[in-house]
Amino acid sequence: KDTACTRFTEALLELAGTDPSERDLNPYY
């Protein structure tokens, strides 16, 4: 999952104004 999705996930989190490295405590993620 990380290989398939991380680049896109980090871009989405950054565009949403959230920490691109945070998952567990990121409500948007």
PDB file of all heavy atoms in Angstrom:
ATOM      1  N   LYS A   1       0.817  -1.212   0.000  1.00  0.00           N
ATOM      2  CA  LYS A   1       0.000   0.000   0.000  1.00  0.00           C
ATOM      3  C   LYS A   1       0.851   1.262   0.000  1.00  0.00           C
ATOM      4  O   LYS A   1       0.532   2.232  -0.708  1.00  0.00           O
ATOM      5  CB  LYS A   1      -0.953   0.007   1.195  1.00  0.00           C
ATOM      6  CG  LYS A   1      -1.868   1.231   1.241  1.00  0.00           C
ATOM      7  CD  LYS A   1      -2.901   1.136   2.329  1.00  0.00           C
ATOM      8  CE  LYS A   1      -2.349   1.385   3.703  1.00  0.00           C
ATOM      9  NZ  LYS A   1      -1.964   2.800   3.923  1.00  0.00           N
ATOM     10  N   ASP A   2       1.924   1.270   0.771  1.00  0.00           N
ATOM     11  CA  ASP A   2       2.752   2.469   0.830  1.00  0.00           C
ATOM     12  C   ASP A   2       3.402   2.772  -0.520  1.00  0.00           C
ATOM     13  O   ASP A   2       3.425   3.914  -0.972  1.00  0.00           O
ATOM     14  CB  ASP A   2       3.827   2.316   1.906  1.00  0.00           C
ATOM     15  CG  ASP A   2       3.245   2.320   3.308  1.00  0.00           C
ATOM     16  OD1 ASP A   2       2.151   2.885   3.489  1.00  0.00           O
ATOM     17  OD2 ASP A   2       3.879   1.761   4.212  1.00  0.00           O
ATOM     18  N   THR A   3       3.920   1.753  -1.174  1.00  0.00           N
ATOM     19  CA  THR A   3       4.545   1.957  -2.479  1.00  0.00           C
ATOM     20  C   THR A   3       3.523   2.432  -3.500  1.00  0.00           C
ATOM     21  O   THR A   3       3.795   3.343  -4.299  1.00  0.00           O
ATOM     22  CB  THR A   3       5.200   0.655  -2.976  1.00  0.00           C
ATOM     23  OG1 THR A   3       6.173   0.224  -2.029  1.00  0.00           O
ATOM     24  CG2 THR A   3       5.875   0.862  -4.316  1.00  0.00           C
ATOM     25  N   ALA A   4       2.339   1.818  -3.485  1.00  0.00           N
ATOM     26  CA  ALA A   4       1.321   2.157  -4.480  1.00  0.00           C
ATOM     27  C   ALA A   4       0.736   3.546  -4.274  1.00  0.00           C
ATOM     28  O   ALA A   4       0.355   4.209  -5.256  1.00  0.00           O
ATOM     29  CB  ALA A   4       0.200   1.112  -4.438  1.00  0.00           C
ATOM     30  N   CYS A   5       0.673   4.017  -3.024  1.00  0.00           N
ATOM     31  CA  CYS A   5      -0.142   5.198  -2.739  1.00  0.00           C
ATOM     32  C   CYS A   5       0.574   6.384  -2.106  1.00  0.00           C
ATOM     33  O   CYS A   5       0.034   7.500  -2.125  1.00  0.00           O
ATOM     34  CB  CYS A   5      -1.305   4.795  -1.827  1.00  0.00           C
ATOM     35  SG  CYS A   5      -2.362   3.495  -2.480  1.00  0.00           S
ATOM     36  N   THR A   6       1.750   6.199  -1.502  1.00  0.00           N
ATOM     37  CA  THR A   6       2.325   7.249  -0.666  1.00  0.00           C
ATOM     38  C   THR A   6       2.527   8.570  -1.402  1.00  0.00           C
ATOM     39  O   THR A   6       2.222   9.644  -0.861  1.00  0.00           O
ATOM     40  CB  THR A   6       3.655   6.782  -0.045  1.00  0.00           C
ATOM     41  OG1 THR A   6       3.372   5.782   0.941  1.00  0.00           O
ATOM     42  CG2 THR A   6       4.377   7.939   0.631  1.00  0.00           C
ATOM     43  N   ARG A   7       3.044   8.543  -2.623  1.00  0.00           N
ATOM     44  CA  ARG A   7       3.288   9.811  -3.335  1.00  0.00           C
ATOM     45  C   ARG A   7       1.991  10.594  -3.523  1.00  0.00           C
ATOM     46  O   ARG A   7       1.953  11.814  -3.325  1.00  0.00           O
ATOM     47  CB  ARG A   7       3.944   9.540  -4.685  1.00  0.00           C
ATOM     48  CG  ARG A   7       5.368   9.000  -4.586  1.00  0.00           C
ATOM     49  CD  ARG A   7       5.973   8.798  -5.966  1.00  0.00           C
ATOM     50  NE  ARG A   7       7.260   8.129  -5.892  1.00  0.00           N
ATOM     51  CZ  ARG A   7       8.424   8.731  -5.680  1.00  0.00           C
ATOM     52  NH1 ARG A   7       8.452  10.044  -5.510  1.00  0.00           N
ATOM     53  NH2 ARG A   7       9.552   8.042  -5.633  1.00  0.00           N
ATOM     54  N   PHE A   8       0.925   9.897  -3.899  1.00  0.00           N
ATOM     55  CA  PHE A   8      -0.353  10.576  -4.097  1.00  0.00           C
ATOM     56  C   PHE A   8      -0.960  11.000  -2.759  1.00  0.00           C
ATOM     57  O   PHE A   8      -1.510  12.091  -2.642  1.00  0.00           O
ATOM     58  CB  PHE A   8      -1.318   9.650  -4.843  1.00  0.00           C
ATOM     59  CG  PHE A   8      -0.861   9.282  -6.216  1.00  0.00           C
ATOM     60  CD1 PHE A   8      -0.297   8.044  -6.465  1.00  0.00           C
ATOM     61  CD2 PHE A   8      -0.973  10.183  -7.265  1.00  0.00           C
ATOM     62  CE1 PHE A   8       0.152   7.700  -7.726  1.00  0.00           C
ATOM     63  CE2 PHE A   8      -0.540   9.846  -8.529  1.00  0.00           C
ATOM     64  CZ  PHE A   8       0.029   8.610  -8.776  1.00  0.00           C
ATOM     65  N   THR A   9      -0.843  10.147  -1.761  1.00  0.00           N
ATOM     66  CA  THR A   9      -1.381  10.473  -0.444  1.00  0.00           C
ATOM     67  C   THR A   9      -0.716  11.723   0.125  1.00  0.00           C
ATOM     68  O   THR A   9      -1.395  12.637   0.630  1.00  0.00           O
ATOM     69  CB  THR A   9      -1.191   9.287   0.521  1.00  0.00           C
ATOM     70  OG1 THR A   9      -2.008   8.199   0.072  1.00  0.00           O
ATOM     71  CG2 THR A   9      -1.576   9.659   1.941  1.00  0.00           C
ATOM     72  N   GLU A  10       0.598  11.785   0.055  1.00  0.00           N
ATOM     73  CA  GLU A  10       1.300  12.954   0.583  1.00  0.00           C
ATOM     74  C   GLU A  10       0.908  14.229  -0.159  1.00  0.00           C
ATOM     75  O   GLU A  10       0.757  15.295   0.446  1.00  0.00           O
ATOM     76  CB  GLU A  10       2.805  12.729   0.513  1.00  0.00           C
ATOM     77  CG  GLU A  10       3.289  11.682   1.523  1.00  0.00           C
ATOM     78  CD  GLU A  10       4.788  11.455   1.468  1.00  0.00           C
ATOM     79  OE1 GLU A  10       5.425  11.932   0.499  1.00  0.00           O
ATOM     80  OE2 GLU A  10       5.319  10.802   2.388  1.00  0.00           O
ATOM     81  N   ALA A  11       0.723  14.126  -1.476  1.00  0.00           N
ATOM     82  CA  ALA A  11       0.299  15.297  -2.243  1.00  0.00           C
ATOM     83  C   ALA A  11      -1.095  15.746  -1.820  1.00  0.00           C
ATOM     84  O   ALA A  11      -1.354  16.951  -1.659  1.00  0.00           O
ATOM     85  CB  ALA A  11       0.326  14.974  -3.741  1.00  0.00           C
ATOM     86  N   LEU A  12      -2.011  14.798  -1.618  1.00  0.00           N
ATOM     87  CA  LEU A  12      -3.369  15.145  -1.189  1.00  0.00           C
ATOM     88  C   LEU A  12      -3.366  15.784   0.196  1.00  0.00           C
ATOM     89  O   LEU A  12      -4.074  16.778   0.435  1.00  0.00           O
ATOM     90  CB  LEU A  12      -4.246  13.892  -1.176  1.00  0.00           C
ATOM     91  CG  LEU A  12      -4.674  13.336  -2.534  1.00  0.00           C
ATOM     92  CD1 LEU A  12      -5.329  11.965  -2.365  1.00  0.00           C
ATOM     93  CD2 LEU A  12      -5.629  14.289  -3.232  1.00  0.00           C
ATOM     94  N   LEU A  13      -2.579  15.232   1.108  1.00  0.00           N
ATOM     95  CA  LEU A  13      -2.538  15.786   2.458  1.00  0.00           C
ATOM     96  C   LEU A  13      -1.947  17.196   2.466  1.00  0.00           C
ATOM     97  O   LEU A  13      -2.400  18.074   3.208  1.00  0.00           O
ATOM     98  CB  LEU A  13      -1.734  14.863   3.378  1.00  0.00           C
ATOM     99  CG  LEU A  13      -2.309  13.456   3.590  1.00  0.00           C
ATOM    100  CD1 LEU A  13      -1.428  12.663   4.554  1.00  0.00           C
ATOM    101  CD2 LEU A  13      -3.734  13.517   4.095  1.00  0.00           C
ATOM    102  N   GLU A  14      -0.939  17.391   1.645  1.00  0.00           N
ATOM    103  CA  GLU A  14      -0.326  18.726   1.572  1.00  0.00           C
ATOM    104  C   GLU A  14      -1.291  19.729   0.956  1.00  0.00           C
ATOM    105  O   GLU A  14      -1.412  20.872   1.433  1.00  0.00           O
ATOM    106  CB  GLU A  14       0.961  18.651   0.763  1.00  0.00           C
ATOM    107  CG  GLU A  14       1.793  19.927   0.845  1.00  0.00           C
ATOM    108  CD  GLU A  14       3.194  19.738   0.295  1.00  0.00           C
ATOM    109  OE1 GLU A  14       3.510  18.631  -0.192  1.00  0.00           O
ATOM    110  OE2 GLU A  14       3.969  20.706   0.359  1.00  0.00           O
ATOM    111  N   LEU A  15      -1.998  19.332  -0.105  1.00  0.00           N
ATOM    112  CA  LEU A  15      -2.974  20.225  -0.730  1.00  0.00           C
ATOM    113  C   LEU A  15      -4.102  20.594   0.235  1.00  0.00           C
ATOM    114  O   LEU A  15      -4.665  21.687   0.154  1.00  0.00           O
ATOM    115  CB  LEU A  15      -3.566  19.562  -1.974  1.00  0.00           C
ATOM    116  CG  LEU A  15      -2.662  19.515  -3.205  1.00  0.00           C
ATOM    117  CD1 LEU A  15      -3.267  18.621  -4.282  1.00  0.00           C
ATOM    118  CD2 LEU A  15      -2.440  20.925  -3.755  1.00  0.00           C
ATOM    119  N   ALA A  16      -4.399  19.671   1.147  1.00  0.00           N
ATOM    120  CA  ALA A  16      -5.454  19.927   2.143  1.00  0.00           C
ATOM    121  C   ALA A  16      -4.951  20.759   3.317  1.00  0.00           C
ATOM    122  O   ALA A  16      -5.718  21.064   4.234  1.00  0.00           O
ATOM    123  CB  ALA A  16      -6.021  18.604   2.655  1.00  0.00           C
ATOM    124  N   GLY A  17      -3.669  21.109   3.295  1.00  0.00           N
ATOM    125  CA  GLY A  17      -3.110  21.927   4.365  1.00  0.00           C
ATOM    126  C   GLY A  17      -2.803  21.155   5.625  1.00  0.00           C
ATOM    127  O   GLY A  17      -2.741  21.736   6.716  1.00  0.00           O
ATOM    128  N   THR A  18      -2.589  19.839   5.505  1.00  0.00           N
ATOM    129  CA  THR A  18      -2.276  19.024   6.669  1.00  0.00           C
ATOM    130  C   THR A  18      -0.856  18.471   6.535  1.00  0.00           C
ATOM    131  O   THR A  18      -0.220  18.586   5.495  1.00  0.00           O
ATOM    132  CB  THR A  18      -3.270  17.857   6.816  1.00  0.00           C
ATOM    133  OG1 THR A  18      -3.081  16.924   5.744  1.00  0.00           O
ATOM    134  CG2 THR A  18      -4.708  18.367   6.783  1.00  0.00           C
ATOM    135  N   ASP A  19      -0.383  17.852   7.598  1.00  0.00           N
ATOM    136  CA  ASP A  19       0.964  17.291   7.624  1.00  0.00           C
ATOM    137  C   ASP A  19       1.011  16.061   6.707  1.00  0.00           C
ATOM    138  O   ASP A  19       0.325  15.068   6.965  1.00  0.00           O
ATOM    139  CB  ASP A  19       1.316  16.888   9.060  1.00  0.00           C
ATOM    140  CG  ASP A  19       2.734  16.348   9.201  1.00  0.00           C
ATOM    141  OD1 ASP A  19       3.384  16.089   8.170  1.00  0.00           O
ATOM    142  OD2 ASP A  19       3.185  16.168  10.346  1.00  0.00           O
ATOM    143  N   PRO A  20       1.803  16.098   5.633  1.00  0.00           N
ATOM    144  CA  PRO A  20       1.827  14.961   4.693  1.00  0.00           C
ATOM    145  C   PRO A  20       2.404  13.679   5.281  1.00  0.00           C
ATOM    146  O   PRO A  20       2.217  12.607   4.700  1.00  0.00           O
ATOM    147  CB  PRO A  20       2.703  15.479   3.541  1.00  0.00           C
ATOM    148  CG  PRO A  20       3.535  16.560   4.140  1.00  0.00           C
ATOM    149  CD  PRO A  20       2.681  17.200   5.188  1.00  0.00           C
ATOM    150  N   SER A  21       3.077  13.768   6.421  1.00  0.00           N
ATOM    151  CA  SER A  21       3.660  12.564   7.021  1.00  0.00           C
ATOM    152  C   SER A  21       2.799  11.974   8.133  1.00  0.00           C
ATOM    153  O   SER A  21       3.105  10.897   8.646  1.00  0.00           O
ATOM    154  CB  SER A  21       5.057  12.869   7.577  1.00  0.00           C
ATOM    155  OG  SER A  21       4.975  13.781   8.659  1.00  0.00           O
ATOM    156  N   GLU A  22       1.715  12.648   8.505  1.00  0.00           N
ATOM    157  CA  GLU A  22       0.881  12.178   9.617  1.00  0.00           C
ATOM    158  C   GLU A  22      -0.326  11.405   9.087  1.00  0.00           C
ATOM    159  O   GLU A  22      -0.990  11.829   8.153  1.00  0.00           O
ATOM    160  CB  GLU A  22       0.397  13.355  10.465  1.00  0.00           C
ATOM    161  CG  GLU A  22      -0.532  12.966  11.619  1.00  0.00           C
ATOM    162  CD  GLU A  22       0.102  11.939  12.541  1.00  0.00           C
ATOM    163  OE1 GLU A  22       1.202  12.210  13.082  1.00  0.00           O
ATOM    164  OE2 GLU A  22      -0.483  10.857  12.704  1.00  0.00           O
ATOM    165  N   ARG A  23      -0.578  10.252   9.674  1.00  0.00           N
ATOM    166  CA  ARG A  23      -1.713   9.423   9.283  1.00  0.00           C
ATOM    167  C   ARG A  23      -2.663   9.196  10.468  1.00  0.00           C
ATOM    168  O   ARG A  23      -3.832   9.532  10.406  1.00  0.00           O
ATOM    169  CB  ARG A  23      -1.231   8.051   8.771  1.00  0.00           C
ATOM    170  CG  ARG A  23      -0.249   8.113   7.608  1.00  0.00           C
ATOM    171  CD  ARG A  23      -0.878   8.545   6.311  1.00  0.00           C
ATOM    172  NE  ARG A  23       0.034   8.340   5.202  1.00  0.00           N
ATOM    173  CZ  ARG A  23       0.971   9.196   4.816  1.00  0.00           C
ATOM    174  NH1 ARG A  23       1.127  10.334   5.495  1.00  0.00           N
ATOM    175  NH2 ARG A  23       1.749   8.952   3.779  1.00  0.00           N
ATOM    176  N   ASP A  24      -2.149   8.637  11.550  1.00  0.00           N
ATOM    177  CA  ASP A  24      -2.999   8.209  12.663  1.00  0.00           C
ATOM    178  C   ASP A  24      -3.813   9.356  13.261  1.00  0.00           C
ATOM    179  O   ASP A  24      -4.967   9.157  13.650  1.00  0.00           O
ATOM    180  CB  ASP A  24      -2.153   7.558  13.762  1.00  0.00           C
ATOM    181  CG  ASP A  24      -1.460   6.290  13.282  1.00  0.00           C
ATOM    182  OD1 ASP A  24      -1.948   5.679  12.312  1.00  0.00           O
ATOM    183  OD2 ASP A  24      -0.430   5.911  13.875  1.00  0.00           O
ATOM    184  N   LEU A  25      -3.218  10.531  13.354  1.00  0.00           N
ATOM    185  CA  LEU A  25      -3.885  11.672  13.999  1.00  0.00           C
ATOM    186  C   LEU A  25      -4.323  12.735  12.997  1.00  0.00           C
ATOM    187  O   LEU A  25      -4.528  13.885  13.366  1.00  0.00           O
ATOM    188  CB  LEU A  25      -2.948  12.293  15.049  1.00  0.00           C
ATOM    189  CG  LEU A  25      -2.473  11.345  16.155  1.00  0.00           C
ATOM    190  CD1 LEU A  25      -1.551  12.071  17.125  1.00  0.00           C
ATOM    191  CD2 LEU A  25      -3.649  10.724  16.890  1.00  0.00           C
ATOM    192  N   ASN A  26      -4.467  12.349  11.745  1.00  0.00           N
ATOM    193  CA  ASN A  26      -4.853  13.286  10.688  1.00  0.00           C
ATOM    194  C   ASN A  26      -6.301  13.013  10.281  1.00  0.00           C
ATOM    195  O   ASN A  26      -6.571  12.063   9.549  1.00  0.00           O
ATOM    196  CB  ASN A  26      -3.923  13.122   9.481  1.00  0.00           C
ATOM    197  CG  ASN A  26      -4.138  14.202   8.432  1.00  0.00           C
ATOM    198  OD1 ASN A  26      -5.249  14.682   8.243  1.00  0.00           O
ATOM    199  ND2 ASN A  26      -3.066  14.567   7.750  1.00  0.00           N
ATOM    200  N   PRO A  27      -7.257  13.842  10.737  1.00  0.00           N
ATOM    201  CA  PRO A  27      -8.673  13.583  10.426  1.00  0.00           C
ATOM    202  C   PRO A  27      -8.955  13.558   8.920  1.00  0.00           C
ATOM    203  O   PRO A  27      -9.791  12.765   8.467  1.00  0.00           O
ATOM    204  CB  PRO A  27      -9.410  14.745  11.106  1.00  0.00           C
ATOM    205  CG  PRO A  27      -8.480  15.200  12.184  1.00  0.00           C
ATOM    206  CD  PRO A  27      -7.101  15.002  11.637  1.00  0.00           C
ATOM    207  N   TYR A  28      -8.270  14.410   8.156  1.00  0.00           N
ATOM    208  CA  TYR A  28      -8.506  14.424   6.710  1.00  0.00           C
ATOM    209  C   TYR A  28      -8.074  13.108   6.075  1.00  0.00           C
ATOM    210  O   TYR A  28      -8.782  12.543   5.232  1.00  0.00           O
ATOM    211  CB  TYR A  28      -7.757  15.595   6.067  1.00  0.00           C
ATOM    212  CG  TYR A  28      -7.943  15.655   4.563  1.00  0.00           C
ATOM    213  CD1 TYR A  28      -9.153  16.074   4.015  1.00  0.00           C
ATOM    214  CD2 TYR A  28      -6.913  15.277   3.699  1.00  0.00           C
ATOM    215  CE1 TYR A  28      -9.332  16.112   2.642  1.00  0.00           C
ATOM    216  CE2 TYR A  28      -7.087  15.314   2.326  1.00  0.00           C
ATOM    217  CZ  TYR A  28      -8.299  15.731   1.805  1.00  0.00           C
ATOM    218  OH  TYR A  28      -8.472  15.762   0.441  1.00  0.00           O
ATOM    219  N   TYR A  29      -6.916  12.606   6.481  1.00  0.00           N
ATOM    220  CA  TYR A  29      -6.465  11.320   5.957  1.00  0.00           C
ATOM    221  C   TYR A  29      -7.455  10.218   6.330  1.00  0.00           C
ATOM    222  O   TYR A  29      -7.841   9.398   5.488  1.00  0.00           O
ATOM    223  CB  TYR A  29      -5.085  10.973   6.509  1.00  0.00           C
ATOM    224  CG  TYR A  29      -4.650   9.560   6.165  1.00  0.00           C
ATOM    225  CD1 TYR A  29      -4.172   9.256   4.901  1.00  0.00           C
ATOM    226  CD2 TYR A  29      -4.749   8.538   7.111  1.00  0.00           C
ATOM    227  CE1 TYR A  29      -3.802   7.955   4.577  1.00  0.00           C
ATOM    228  CE2 TYR A  29      -4.376   7.243   6.799  1.00  0.00           C
ATOM    229  CZ  TYR A  29      -3.903   6.954   5.532  1.00  0.00           C
ATOM    230  OH  TYR A  29      -3.553   5.660   5.218  1.00  0.00           O
TER     231      TYR A  29
END
